[in-house]
N, C-alpha and C. Protein backbone atom coordinates (compact mmCIF):
# COMPACT_ATOMS: atom_id res chain seq x y z
N MET A 1 -97.57 163.68 -111.94
CA MET A 1 -97.63 162.50 -110.94
C MET A 1 -96.45 161.57 -110.99
N THR A 2 -96.23 161.26 -109.57
CA THR A 2 -94.59 160.73 -109.16
C THR A 2 -94.83 159.22 -109.26
N VAL A 3 -93.91 158.33 -110.25
CA VAL A 3 -94.44 157.05 -110.65
C VAL A 3 -93.27 156.33 -110.11
N TRP A 4 -93.23 156.27 -108.99
CA TRP A 4 -91.80 155.73 -107.86
C TRP A 4 -91.82 154.26 -108.49
N PHE A 5 -90.31 153.92 -109.05
CA PHE A 5 -89.87 152.63 -109.21
C PHE A 5 -90.46 152.26 -110.58
N ALA A 6 -91.47 152.96 -110.93
CA ALA A 6 -92.21 152.35 -112.35
C ALA A 6 -91.31 151.92 -113.46
N ARG A 7 -89.89 152.94 -113.63
CA ARG A 7 -89.06 152.73 -114.74
C ARG A 7 -87.75 151.95 -114.57
N VAL A 8 -87.78 151.07 -113.51
CA VAL A 8 -86.54 150.68 -113.48
C VAL A 8 -86.35 149.64 -113.96
N GLY A 9 -85.56 149.31 -114.95
CA GLY A 9 -84.92 147.89 -115.54
C GLY A 9 -85.05 148.21 -116.98
N THR A 10 -85.87 149.44 -117.13
CA THR A 10 -86.04 149.81 -118.79
C THR A 10 -85.19 150.66 -119.30
N PRO A 11 -84.88 150.99 -120.55
CA PRO A 11 -83.80 151.61 -121.31
C PRO A 11 -84.42 153.33 -120.94
N LEU A 12 -83.19 153.81 -120.46
CA LEU A 12 -83.27 155.39 -120.35
C LEU A 12 -83.55 156.16 -121.27
N ALA A 13 -84.72 156.93 -121.09
CA ALA A 13 -85.33 157.90 -121.91
C ALA A 13 -84.52 159.22 -122.16
N PRO A 14 -84.54 159.49 -123.45
CA PRO A 14 -84.12 160.95 -123.23
C PRO A 14 -84.06 161.85 -122.46
N ARG A 15 -85.07 162.11 -121.74
CA ARG A 15 -85.31 163.23 -120.27
C ARG A 15 -84.22 162.58 -119.43
N GLU A 16 -84.37 161.38 -119.14
CA GLU A 16 -83.57 161.11 -118.13
C GLU A 16 -81.95 161.03 -118.22
N ASN A 17 -81.89 160.89 -119.76
CA ASN A 17 -80.17 161.00 -120.06
C ASN A 17 -79.72 162.57 -119.98
N ALA A 18 -80.78 163.34 -119.87
CA ALA A 18 -80.44 165.09 -119.72
C ALA A 18 -80.21 165.23 -118.36
N LEU A 19 -81.46 164.60 -117.26
CA LEU A 19 -80.96 164.73 -116.16
C LEU A 19 -79.83 164.34 -115.38
N ILE A 20 -79.32 162.88 -116.23
CA ILE A 20 -78.22 162.81 -115.64
C ILE A 20 -76.89 163.33 -115.91
N ALA A 21 -77.26 163.60 -117.45
CA ALA A 21 -75.80 164.84 -117.82
C ALA A 21 -75.81 165.87 -116.92
N ASP A 22 -76.81 166.57 -116.77
CA ASP A 22 -76.94 167.94 -115.77
C ASP A 22 -76.29 167.43 -114.29
N TRP A 23 -76.52 166.09 -113.68
CA TRP A 23 -76.25 165.99 -112.42
C TRP A 23 -74.77 165.58 -112.45
N LEU A 24 -74.28 164.95 -113.48
CA LEU A 24 -73.09 164.75 -113.73
C LEU A 24 -71.90 165.93 -114.17
N ARG A 25 -72.60 166.91 -114.66
CA ARG A 25 -71.72 168.06 -114.98
C ARG A 25 -71.35 168.70 -113.51
N ILE A 26 -72.52 168.54 -112.42
CA ILE A 26 -72.29 169.12 -111.38
C ILE A 26 -71.53 168.24 -110.34
N VAL A 27 -71.69 167.28 -110.49
CA VAL A 27 -70.68 165.90 -109.47
C VAL A 27 -69.40 165.91 -109.81
N SER A 28 -69.17 165.55 -111.08
CA SER A 28 -67.63 165.12 -111.68
C SER A 28 -67.39 166.05 -112.98
N PRO A 29 -67.06 167.35 -113.04
CA PRO A 29 -67.21 168.20 -113.96
C PRO A 29 -65.86 168.31 -114.83
N ARG A 30 -65.07 167.59 -114.17
CA ARG A 30 -63.89 167.58 -115.43
C ARG A 30 -63.56 165.80 -115.66
N ALA A 31 -63.71 165.25 -114.92
CA ALA A 31 -63.72 163.61 -114.98
C ALA A 31 -64.52 162.93 -116.01
N PRO A 32 -64.58 162.09 -117.13
CA PRO A 32 -65.51 161.55 -117.74
C PRO A 32 -66.44 160.19 -116.71
N VAL A 33 -67.41 160.09 -116.56
CA VAL A 33 -68.06 159.46 -116.03
C VAL A 33 -69.16 158.62 -117.23
N ALA A 34 -68.97 157.19 -116.83
CA ALA A 34 -70.01 156.34 -117.54
C ALA A 34 -71.27 155.99 -116.97
N VAL A 35 -72.39 156.36 -117.63
CA VAL A 35 -73.63 155.65 -117.40
C VAL A 35 -73.83 154.20 -117.12
N THR A 36 -74.05 153.46 -116.32
CA THR A 36 -74.41 152.13 -116.46
C THR A 36 -75.93 151.90 -115.81
N ALA A 37 -76.59 151.33 -116.67
CA ALA A 37 -77.66 150.71 -116.19
C ALA A 37 -78.09 149.41 -115.74
N ILE A 38 -78.46 149.52 -114.62
CA ILE A 38 -78.77 148.08 -114.18
C ILE A 38 -80.21 147.97 -114.82
N ALA A 39 -80.21 146.36 -114.71
CA ALA A 39 -81.71 145.74 -115.52
C ALA A 39 -82.55 145.17 -114.48
N SER A 40 -82.17 144.59 -113.43
CA SER A 40 -82.89 143.95 -112.40
C SER A 40 -82.71 144.43 -110.94
N TRP A 41 -83.88 143.83 -110.05
CA TRP A 41 -83.90 144.30 -108.77
C TRP A 41 -82.63 143.41 -108.22
N ARG A 42 -82.67 142.39 -108.62
CA ARG A 42 -81.23 141.63 -107.98
C ARG A 42 -79.98 142.34 -107.63
N GLU A 43 -79.82 142.61 -109.35
CA GLU A 43 -78.72 143.92 -109.79
C GLU A 43 -78.38 144.69 -108.77
N ALA A 44 -79.50 145.44 -108.74
CA ALA A 44 -79.42 146.67 -107.82
C ALA A 44 -79.29 146.60 -106.36
N GLU A 45 -79.49 145.32 -106.01
CA GLU A 45 -79.37 144.68 -104.41
C GLU A 45 -77.72 144.62 -104.33
N GLU A 46 -77.27 143.61 -105.23
CA GLU A 46 -75.97 143.41 -105.51
C GLU A 46 -74.89 144.38 -105.53
N PHE A 47 -75.73 145.54 -106.03
CA PHE A 47 -74.78 146.89 -106.33
C PHE A 47 -74.33 147.63 -105.12
N SER A 48 -76.04 147.56 -104.39
CA SER A 48 -75.96 148.28 -102.96
C SER A 48 -75.12 147.52 -101.92
N ARG A 49 -74.97 146.29 -101.96
CA ARG A 49 -74.30 145.98 -100.76
C ARG A 49 -72.90 145.73 -101.02
N VAL A 50 -72.30 146.14 -102.08
CA VAL A 50 -70.78 145.79 -102.35
C VAL A 50 -69.97 146.95 -101.16
N PRO A 51 -69.51 146.73 -100.14
CA PRO A 51 -69.09 147.46 -99.22
C PRO A 51 -67.62 148.57 -99.72
N GLU A 52 -67.14 148.23 -100.90
CA GLU A 52 -66.01 149.10 -101.39
C GLU A 52 -66.35 150.11 -102.41
N HIS A 53 -67.54 150.29 -102.21
CA HIS A 53 -67.95 151.36 -103.30
C HIS A 53 -67.24 152.79 -102.88
N ASP A 54 -66.98 153.49 -103.98
CA ASP A 54 -66.22 154.92 -104.03
C ASP A 54 -67.03 155.65 -103.05
N SER A 55 -66.23 156.17 -102.01
CA SER A 55 -67.11 157.01 -101.03
C SER A 55 -67.04 158.40 -101.41
N THR A 56 -66.43 158.96 -102.34
CA THR A 56 -66.14 160.11 -102.90
C THR A 56 -68.04 160.81 -103.21
N TRP A 57 -68.54 160.30 -103.98
CA TRP A 57 -70.12 160.50 -104.13
C TRP A 57 -70.77 161.11 -102.61
N TRP A 58 -70.53 159.86 -101.68
CA TRP A 58 -71.45 159.89 -100.55
C TRP A 58 -70.81 161.01 -99.49
N ASN A 59 -69.03 161.54 -99.30
CA ASN A 59 -68.79 162.37 -99.10
C ASN A 59 -69.03 163.83 -99.71
N GLN A 60 -69.32 163.67 -101.22
CA GLN A 60 -69.75 164.92 -101.70
C GLN A 60 -71.11 165.43 -101.01
N GLU A 61 -71.93 164.68 -101.05
CA GLU A 61 -73.46 164.42 -100.73
C GLU A 61 -73.23 165.12 -99.45
N GLU A 62 -72.43 164.53 -98.34
CA GLU A 62 -72.58 165.04 -96.99
C GLU A 62 -72.04 166.26 -96.91
N GLU A 63 -71.09 166.70 -97.19
CA GLU A 63 -70.57 167.86 -97.67
C GLU A 63 -71.90 169.45 -98.01
N GLU A 64 -72.24 168.89 -99.09
CA GLU A 64 -73.34 169.32 -100.00
C GLU A 64 -74.58 169.72 -98.59
N ARG A 65 -74.82 168.96 -98.25
CA ARG A 65 -76.10 168.69 -97.10
C ARG A 65 -75.98 169.89 -95.80
N GLU A 66 -74.57 169.67 -95.27
CA GLU A 66 -74.10 170.49 -94.77
C GLU A 66 -74.27 172.03 -94.77
N ARG A 67 -73.53 172.35 -96.02
CA ARG A 67 -74.06 173.43 -96.52
C ARG A 67 -74.75 174.10 -97.09
N LEU A 68 -76.07 173.36 -97.27
CA LEU A 68 -77.38 173.67 -97.35
C LEU A 68 -77.79 173.65 -96.12
N TRP A 69 -77.87 172.65 -95.17
CA TRP A 69 -78.35 173.10 -93.79
C TRP A 69 -78.01 174.65 -93.20
N GLU A 70 -76.27 174.88 -93.47
CA GLU A 70 -75.82 176.17 -93.05
C GLU A 70 -77.23 177.51 -93.35
N ARG A 71 -76.98 177.18 -94.85
CA ARG A 71 -77.71 178.44 -95.93
C ARG A 71 -79.20 178.33 -95.18
N ALA A 72 -79.82 177.30 -94.83
CA ALA A 72 -81.31 177.03 -94.73
C ALA A 72 -81.37 177.58 -93.18
N ALA A 73 -80.50 177.54 -92.30
CA ALA A 73 -80.45 178.17 -91.27
C ALA A 73 -80.38 179.51 -91.11
N GLU A 74 -80.06 180.13 -92.23
CA GLU A 74 -79.84 181.44 -92.19
C GLU A 74 -81.12 182.10 -92.23
N LEU A 75 -82.04 181.42 -92.88
CA LEU A 75 -83.37 181.76 -93.46
C LEU A 75 -84.70 181.30 -92.74
N TRP A 76 -84.52 180.31 -91.85
CA TRP A 76 -85.46 179.73 -91.11
C TRP A 76 -84.79 179.47 -89.81
N SER A 77 -86.00 179.21 -88.81
CA SER A 77 -85.64 179.11 -87.11
C SER A 77 -85.47 177.14 -87.68
N GLU A 78 -84.40 177.02 -86.44
CA GLU A 78 -84.39 175.36 -86.63
C GLU A 78 -85.49 174.50 -86.65
N SER A 79 -86.91 174.85 -85.67
CA SER A 79 -88.00 174.42 -85.74
C SER A 79 -88.16 174.45 -86.81
N GLU A 80 -88.92 175.71 -87.29
CA GLU A 80 -89.15 175.55 -88.69
C GLU A 80 -88.80 174.89 -89.87
N LEU A 81 -87.12 174.95 -89.87
CA LEU A 81 -86.76 173.98 -90.85
C LEU A 81 -86.99 172.73 -90.67
N LEU A 82 -86.67 172.40 -89.33
CA LEU A 82 -87.31 170.68 -89.02
C LEU A 82 -88.85 170.43 -89.26
N GLN A 83 -89.94 171.18 -88.78
CA GLN A 83 -91.02 171.09 -89.33
C GLN A 83 -91.35 170.98 -90.95
N ARG A 84 -90.61 171.64 -91.61
CA ARG A 84 -90.87 172.01 -93.10
C ARG A 84 -90.17 170.61 -93.91
N LEU A 85 -89.30 170.32 -93.45
CA LEU A 85 -88.65 169.10 -93.75
C LEU A 85 -89.27 167.99 -93.78
N ASP A 86 -89.86 167.79 -92.38
CA ASP A 86 -90.66 166.76 -91.82
C ASP A 86 -92.29 166.70 -92.76
N ALA A 87 -92.49 167.65 -93.14
CA ALA A 87 -93.66 168.01 -93.69
C ALA A 87 -93.60 167.51 -94.90
N THR A 88 -92.29 167.43 -95.82
CA THR A 88 -92.27 167.31 -97.11
C THR A 88 -92.03 165.75 -97.14
N THR A 89 -91.53 165.25 -96.34
CA THR A 89 -91.29 163.50 -96.27
C THR A 89 -92.36 162.85 -95.42
N ARG A 90 -93.28 163.35 -94.57
CA ARG A 90 -93.95 162.92 -94.28
C ARG A 90 -95.23 161.95 -94.81
N GLY A 91 -95.65 162.67 -95.60
CA GLY A 91 -96.59 161.69 -96.51
C GLY A 91 -95.97 160.90 -97.46
N LEU A 92 -94.88 160.71 -97.72
CA LEU A 92 -94.18 160.28 -98.89
C LEU A 92 -93.73 158.62 -98.49
N GLU A 93 -93.46 158.55 -97.50
CA GLU A 93 -92.96 156.99 -96.93
C GLU A 93 -94.00 155.94 -97.09
N ARG A 94 -95.38 156.14 -96.77
CA ARG A 94 -95.92 154.99 -97.37
C ARG A 94 -96.20 154.84 -98.79
N GLU A 95 -96.06 155.83 -99.59
CA GLU A 95 -96.28 155.84 -101.08
C GLU A 95 -95.12 154.93 -101.65
N ILE A 96 -93.95 155.38 -101.23
CA ILE A 96 -92.51 155.48 -101.68
C ILE A 96 -92.47 153.26 -101.03
N ARG A 97 -92.50 153.22 -100.04
CA ARG A 97 -92.07 151.91 -99.73
C ARG A 97 -93.24 151.08 -100.46
N ALA A 98 -94.71 151.57 -100.52
CA ALA A 98 -95.60 150.67 -101.43
C ALA A 98 -95.49 150.35 -102.70
N ALA A 99 -94.82 151.83 -103.26
CA ALA A 99 -94.31 151.55 -105.02
C ALA A 99 -93.09 150.87 -104.96
N ALA A 100 -92.56 150.52 -104.02
CA ALA A 100 -90.91 149.91 -103.83
C ALA A 100 -91.37 148.61 -103.98
N LEU A 101 -92.35 147.86 -103.04
CA LEU A 101 -92.56 146.39 -102.95
C LEU A 101 -93.52 146.31 -103.78
N ALA A 102 -94.37 147.05 -104.26
CA ALA A 102 -95.03 146.65 -105.71
C ALA A 102 -94.42 146.00 -106.78
N ALA A 103 -93.06 147.15 -107.01
CA ALA A 103 -92.15 146.93 -108.30
C ALA A 103 -91.71 145.71 -108.04
N SER A 104 -90.96 145.78 -106.95
CA SER A 104 -90.20 144.09 -106.52
C SER A 104 -91.08 143.07 -106.80
N VAL A 105 -91.90 143.00 -106.46
CA VAL A 105 -92.99 141.76 -106.52
C VAL A 105 -93.31 141.37 -107.99
N VAL A 106 -93.61 142.52 -108.46
CA VAL A 106 -94.09 142.45 -109.94
C VAL A 106 -92.85 141.83 -110.76
N ALA A 107 -91.66 142.02 -110.61
CA ALA A 107 -90.27 141.60 -111.04
C ALA A 107 -89.97 140.29 -110.60
N GLY A 108 -90.86 139.82 -109.55
CA GLY A 108 -90.27 138.33 -109.19
C GLY A 108 -89.13 138.24 -107.80
N VAL A 109 -89.27 139.73 -107.52
CA VAL A 109 -88.44 139.31 -106.31
C VAL A 109 -89.22 138.69 -105.16
N THR A 110 -88.71 138.38 -104.21
CA THR A 110 -89.21 137.52 -103.15
C THR A 110 -88.91 137.88 -101.66
N HIS A 111 -87.95 138.84 -101.77
CA HIS A 111 -87.64 139.58 -100.21
C HIS A 111 -87.61 140.64 -100.27
N GLU A 112 -87.79 141.57 -99.21
CA GLU A 112 -88.04 143.06 -99.42
C GLU A 112 -86.60 144.07 -99.00
N LYS A 113 -85.71 143.33 -99.06
CA LYS A 113 -84.47 144.14 -98.91
C LYS A 113 -83.94 145.04 -99.99
N ALA A 114 -84.22 145.17 -101.02
CA ALA A 114 -83.77 145.74 -101.89
C ALA A 114 -85.14 146.91 -102.14
N ALA A 115 -86.62 146.49 -102.01
CA ALA A 115 -87.38 147.24 -102.19
C ALA A 115 -87.00 148.26 -100.70
N ILE A 116 -86.70 147.74 -99.50
CA ILE A 116 -86.46 148.57 -98.32
C ILE A 116 -85.39 149.65 -98.70
N GLU A 117 -84.49 149.24 -99.08
CA GLU A 117 -83.13 149.97 -99.63
C GLU A 117 -83.74 150.95 -100.57
N ALA A 118 -84.23 150.69 -101.60
CA ALA A 118 -84.95 151.42 -102.60
C ALA A 118 -85.92 152.84 -101.96
N CYS A 119 -86.49 152.34 -100.91
CA CYS A 119 -87.39 153.41 -100.43
C CYS A 119 -86.92 154.39 -99.79
N GLU A 120 -85.77 153.65 -98.61
CA GLU A 120 -84.77 154.73 -98.01
C GLU A 120 -84.04 155.83 -98.76
N MET A 121 -83.47 155.08 -99.62
CA MET A 121 -83.00 156.08 -100.56
C MET A 121 -83.78 157.29 -101.46
N ALA A 122 -84.82 156.91 -101.90
CA ALA A 122 -85.66 157.75 -102.21
C ALA A 122 -86.38 159.07 -100.88
N LEU A 123 -86.62 158.40 -99.98
CA LEU A 123 -86.46 159.27 -98.55
C LEU A 123 -85.62 160.18 -98.79
N LEU A 124 -84.66 159.76 -98.50
CA LEU A 124 -83.19 160.68 -98.35
C LEU A 124 -83.14 161.71 -99.67
N ALA A 125 -83.37 161.39 -101.03
CA ALA A 125 -83.24 161.92 -101.84
C ALA A 125 -84.37 163.27 -101.79
N ALA A 126 -85.60 163.10 -101.49
CA ALA A 126 -86.39 163.76 -101.17
C ALA A 126 -86.20 164.77 -99.93
N HIS A 127 -85.78 164.48 -99.22
CA HIS A 127 -85.24 165.18 -97.57
C HIS A 127 -84.21 165.97 -98.50
N HIS A 128 -83.32 165.54 -99.14
CA HIS A 128 -81.93 166.58 -99.50
C HIS A 128 -82.88 167.76 -100.52
N SER A 129 -83.36 166.80 -101.40
CA SER A 129 -84.18 168.18 -102.23
C SER A 129 -84.83 169.43 -101.91
N ALA A 130 -85.80 168.71 -100.91
CA ALA A 130 -86.25 169.85 -99.99
C ALA A 130 -85.61 170.74 -98.98
N LEU A 131 -84.51 170.10 -98.56
CA LEU A 131 -83.34 171.11 -98.21
C LEU A 131 -82.71 172.13 -99.03
N ALA A 132 -82.24 171.85 -100.05
CA ALA A 132 -81.98 172.51 -101.23
C ALA A 132 -82.90 173.46 -101.43
N GLU A 133 -84.66 173.52 -101.29
CA GLU A 133 -85.28 174.35 -101.87
C GLU A 133 -85.31 175.39 -100.68
N LEU A 134 -85.32 174.79 -99.55
CA LEU A 134 -85.22 175.57 -98.02
C LEU A 134 -84.05 176.29 -98.16
N ALA A 135 -83.12 176.17 -98.67
CA ALA A 135 -81.79 177.00 -98.52
C ALA A 135 -81.85 177.79 -99.90
N GLY A 136 -82.85 177.93 -100.79
CA GLY A 136 -82.89 179.02 -101.72
C GLY A 136 -82.06 178.35 -103.25
N GLU A 137 -81.80 176.89 -103.29
CA GLU A 137 -81.29 176.67 -104.37
C GLU A 137 -81.70 176.42 -105.55
N GLN A 138 -81.75 176.48 -106.77
CA GLN A 138 -82.65 176.36 -108.10
C GLN A 138 -82.90 174.71 -108.36
N ALA A 139 -83.82 174.68 -109.52
CA ALA A 139 -84.14 173.86 -109.84
C ALA A 139 -82.92 172.89 -110.37
N GLY A 140 -82.09 173.25 -110.85
CA GLY A 140 -80.61 172.41 -111.36
C GLY A 140 -79.71 172.31 -110.22
N HIS A 141 -80.02 172.23 -109.10
CA HIS A 141 -79.30 171.71 -107.94
C HIS A 141 -79.21 170.29 -107.85
N ARG A 142 -77.76 169.58 -107.80
CA ARG A 142 -77.74 168.41 -107.74
C ARG A 142 -78.61 167.34 -106.62
N PHE A 143 -79.47 168.00 -105.60
CA PHE A 143 -80.03 167.40 -105.11
C PHE A 143 -81.62 166.98 -105.77
N VAL A 144 -81.59 168.08 -106.45
CA VAL A 144 -83.40 168.21 -106.94
C VAL A 144 -83.28 167.49 -108.31
N LEU A 145 -81.99 167.37 -109.06
CA LEU A 145 -81.96 166.52 -110.21
C LEU A 145 -82.09 165.01 -109.89
N LYS A 146 -81.21 164.68 -108.62
CA LYS A 146 -81.46 163.42 -108.03
C LYS A 146 -82.66 162.96 -107.77
N TYR A 147 -83.20 163.83 -107.05
CA TYR A 147 -84.61 163.73 -106.46
C TYR A 147 -85.61 163.63 -107.84
N ALA A 148 -85.37 164.46 -108.89
CA ALA A 148 -86.16 164.29 -110.38
C ALA A 148 -86.55 162.63 -110.90
N LEU A 149 -84.85 162.30 -110.51
CA LEU A 149 -85.24 160.73 -111.36
C LEU A 149 -85.31 159.42 -110.26
N PHE A 150 -85.63 159.97 -108.93
CA PHE A 150 -86.63 159.03 -108.11
C PHE A 150 -87.72 159.23 -108.66
N ALA A 151 -88.50 160.53 -108.94
CA ALA A 151 -89.93 160.94 -108.88
C ALA A 151 -89.97 160.32 -110.23
N GLY A 152 -89.22 160.51 -111.09
CA GLY A 152 -89.62 159.94 -112.35
C GLY A 152 -89.54 158.49 -112.47
N GLY A 153 -89.72 157.77 -111.68
CA GLY A 153 -89.36 156.22 -111.82
C GLY A 153 -88.19 155.25 -111.81
N ARG A 154 -87.35 156.14 -111.09
CA ARG A 154 -85.92 155.42 -111.08
C ARG A 154 -85.04 155.16 -110.06
N TRP A 155 -84.03 154.68 -110.03
CA TRP A 155 -83.65 154.26 -108.45
C TRP A 155 -81.68 154.91 -108.60
N PRO A 156 -81.52 156.12 -108.80
CA PRO A 156 -80.02 156.33 -108.91
C PRO A 156 -78.84 155.81 -107.65
N LEU A 157 -78.09 155.21 -108.08
CA LEU A 157 -77.72 153.97 -106.99
C LEU A 157 -76.52 154.63 -106.81
N GLY A 158 -75.93 155.26 -107.54
CA GLY A 158 -74.70 156.36 -106.89
C GLY A 158 -73.25 156.36 -108.05
N TYR A 159 -72.58 156.76 -107.51
CA TYR A 159 -71.57 156.59 -108.22
C TYR A 159 -70.04 155.83 -107.97
N HIS A 160 -69.47 155.17 -108.75
CA HIS A 160 -68.46 154.08 -108.03
C HIS A 160 -67.46 154.13 -109.50
N SER A 161 -66.18 153.88 -109.26
CA SER A 161 -65.15 153.75 -110.31
C SER A 161 -65.73 154.79 -111.44
N ALA A 162 -65.55 155.93 -111.23
CA ALA A 162 -65.91 156.66 -112.73
C ALA A 162 -67.43 156.20 -113.40
N ARG A 163 -68.20 155.75 -113.03
CA ARG A 163 -69.37 155.34 -113.07
C ARG A 163 -70.64 155.76 -112.70
N PHE A 164 -71.53 156.25 -113.11
CA PHE A 164 -72.84 156.59 -112.46
C PHE A 164 -73.80 155.10 -112.78
N VAL A 165 -74.41 154.79 -111.26
CA VAL A 165 -74.72 153.74 -112.07
C VAL A 165 -76.34 153.77 -111.69
N ILE A 166 -77.44 153.51 -112.09
CA ILE A 166 -79.08 153.82 -111.79
C ILE A 166 -79.71 152.42 -112.59
N PHE A 167 -81.10 152.45 -111.86
CA PHE A 167 -81.72 151.26 -112.31
C PHE A 167 -83.13 151.71 -112.71
């Protein structure tokens, strides 16, 4: 069962720490990375608004997305690939948006901006994970691991200045 955003702001569990460690071994295999847990929706929104974040993480993800697309295109026609990706995320948008809004309201957030950002990032993670699977990648792929953090109730906010930030 997916518990979208149900664990944000709570201490990281051993399973979550293991997922993060596996993800970091892929993303930053040689450099040490500190894990920073954010405790509130307000902090998550502030972090996501900072314009000078390290673009390394985003650039790596975009390069990997392009690589996966090329591999998946060898296995599926473009039409099949688009249909399968759409089918994966089509039913999730309402569910994720409702969960993000509910979690932020319970936390006392009076505006929707952070919840909408969280929803959009979760949908992107779902799309990336589905693309990895369609390209024939295994369960340990970086996109599958990131999606597992979202599906387990977290919001991985990203990598910045040798630290991985998660809510």
